Each structure stands twice: as structure tokens, then as C-alpha cells.
Amino acid sequence: MKATYYGTKGKDLKADRLVDKISGTIHPKFRFPHTGSIELTEDTLRLEGWEDLALGEIERVACEYDEAFSRFTVNSSDRLGFFGKGEPLVVTHGDPAD
């Protein structure tokens, strides 16, 4: 399975200034510095140009809004969601710095 992603870390979203949030409503690339293809293999979640996560490191996967990214911070014409509602794919993994 392969698709395109825009990505960042939750701590970076929380640190965004108002101008960053407004820019992100124009296009996701302004808030999500990592972009490329995302691929799920039998043992890895590969984020091209950013990092590879071993499936064993992943603690949780969800499509949901949270305190770092809400439905009000996305332009409806550039939805990031995988299922058409705009919820981001949130991947929690074993790196305590994230």
C-alpha cells in the first residue's frame, strides 16, 4: 500500500505560531515540512524523505483530531484525511522525543 503524506511531529505542531497555523490553511506544506510517499510494508511504515518506523515500534495508530491539530486548522479543499473527513493519521511510536 502506498500513498502521499505531509508530516510533522506533534510537539512541532504545538509550537506553531498563529502565522504558521494560518499558512497551513492555505496549503498543508506550510505546516508539515516532511512530504513524500508513505508505504506500508510487511514490517515497516516507510515515510519517504523522513524516517522508517518498524511496525514493532508503533504503539498506536488513529485517524483523529487532537490538541495539536483540529478541524479548524485545515483548508477543506486540501484535506489531509485518509477517509475524506480531514482527520489526520496520528502514529504514536516508541521515540520519547516525539
Protein backbone atom coordinates (compact mmCIF):
# COMPACT_ATOMS: atom_id res chain seq x y z
CA MET A 1 0.00 0.00 0.00
CA LYS A 2 1.41 3.40 -0.98
CA ALA A 3 0.11 6.98 -0.76
CA THR A 4 1.34 10.59 -0.39
CA TYR A 5 1.82 12.16 3.03
CA TYR A 6 2.50 15.53 4.66
CA GLY A 7 4.06 15.04 8.08
CA THR A 8 5.40 16.65 11.22
CA LYS A 9 5.74 15.80 14.89
CA GLY A 10 3.06 16.68 17.43
CA LYS A 11 5.49 18.74 19.51
CA ASP A 12 6.24 20.89 16.44
CA LEU A 13 2.53 21.44 15.73
CA LYS A 14 2.00 22.53 19.33
CA ALA A 15 4.86 25.05 18.99
CA ASP A 16 3.42 26.64 15.82
CA ARG A 17 2.75 30.36 15.91
CA LEU A 18 -0.53 31.87 14.70
CA VAL A 19 1.03 32.77 11.34
CA ASP A 20 2.07 29.11 10.89
CA LYS A 21 -1.47 27.94 11.58
CA ILE A 22 -2.95 30.44 9.12
CA SER A 23 -0.40 29.48 6.46
CA GLY A 24 -1.37 25.85 6.98
CA THR A 25 -4.93 26.60 5.93
CA ILE A 26 -3.59 27.76 2.54
CA HIS A 27 -1.71 24.51 1.93
CA PRO A 28 -0.53 21.69 4.24
CA LYS A 29 3.10 22.05 3.13
CA PHE A 30 3.37 25.23 5.21
CA ARG A 31 2.75 23.35 8.49
CA PHE A 32 4.04 19.93 7.55
CA PRO A 33 7.69 20.14 6.44
CA HIS A 34 8.02 16.45 5.56
CA THR A 35 6.35 15.17 2.41
CA GLY A 36 6.71 12.20 0.14
CA SER A 37 5.25 8.79 -0.27
CA ILE A 38 4.10 6.70 2.67
CA GLU A 39 4.31 2.96 2.25
CA LEU A 40 3.21 0.13 4.49
CA THR A 41 5.29 -2.99 4.04
CA GLU A 42 5.07 -6.23 5.97
CA ASP A 43 7.38 -4.91 8.72
CA THR A 44 7.83 -1.14 8.19
CA LEU A 45 5.90 2.10 7.84
CA ARG A 46 8.17 3.98 5.43
CA LEU A 47 7.89 7.77 5.27
CA GLU A 48 9.98 8.66 2.23
CA GLY A 49 12.39 11.52 2.91
CA TRP A 50 11.80 11.42 6.67
CA GLU A 51 12.03 8.12 8.54
CA ASP A 52 11.14 4.45 8.62
CA LEU A 53 9.25 3.03 11.58
CA ALA A 54 9.42 -0.65 12.40
CA LEU A 55 5.88 -1.88 12.99
CA GLY A 56 7.02 -3.20 16.38
CA GLU A 57 7.85 0.40 17.48
CA ILE A 58 4.36 1.69 16.70
CA GLU A 59 2.21 1.94 19.83
CA ARG A 60 -0.95 3.45 18.35
CA VAL A 61 -2.46 4.47 15.01
CA ALA A 62 -5.62 6.59 14.78
CA CYS A 63 -7.41 9.00 12.46
CA GLU A 64 -8.45 11.79 14.79
CA TYR A 65 -8.14 15.44 15.65
CA ASP A 66 -6.28 16.35 18.83
CA GLU A 67 -4.98 19.40 20.70
CA ALA A 68 -2.15 19.86 18.18
CA PHE A 69 -4.32 19.67 15.05
CA SER A 70 -8.02 20.47 14.96
CA ARG A 71 -10.65 20.53 12.22
CA PHE A 72 -10.39 24.34 12.23
CA THR A 73 -6.75 24.30 11.11
CA VAL A 74 -7.23 22.65 7.73
CA ASN A 75 -8.45 24.05 4.43
CA SER A 76 -11.36 21.92 3.25
CA SER A 77 -10.01 21.85 -0.31
CA ASP A 78 -6.70 20.31 0.84
CA ARG A 79 -7.95 17.70 3.28
CA LEU A 80 -5.22 15.56 4.75
CA GLY A 81 -7.50 12.80 5.93
CA PHE A 82 -7.38 9.33 4.50
CA PHE A 83 -11.13 8.86 4.74
CA GLY A 84 -12.43 12.18 3.40
CA LYS A 85 -13.34 13.82 6.72
CA GLY A 86 -9.97 15.52 7.18
CA GLU A 87 -8.80 13.75 10.31
CA PRO A 88 -5.03 13.34 10.31
CA LEU A 89 -3.37 9.96 10.61
CA VAL A 90 -1.71 10.03 14.05
CA VAL A 91 1.05 7.49 14.61
CA THR A 92 2.40 7.15 18.15
CA HIS A 93 5.68 5.31 18.42
CA GLY A 94 8.43 4.50 20.90
CA ASP A 95 10.57 7.63 20.41
CA PRO A 96 10.10 9.67 23.63
CA ALA A 97 11.20 12.87 21.83
CA ASP A 98 8.02 12.89 19.70
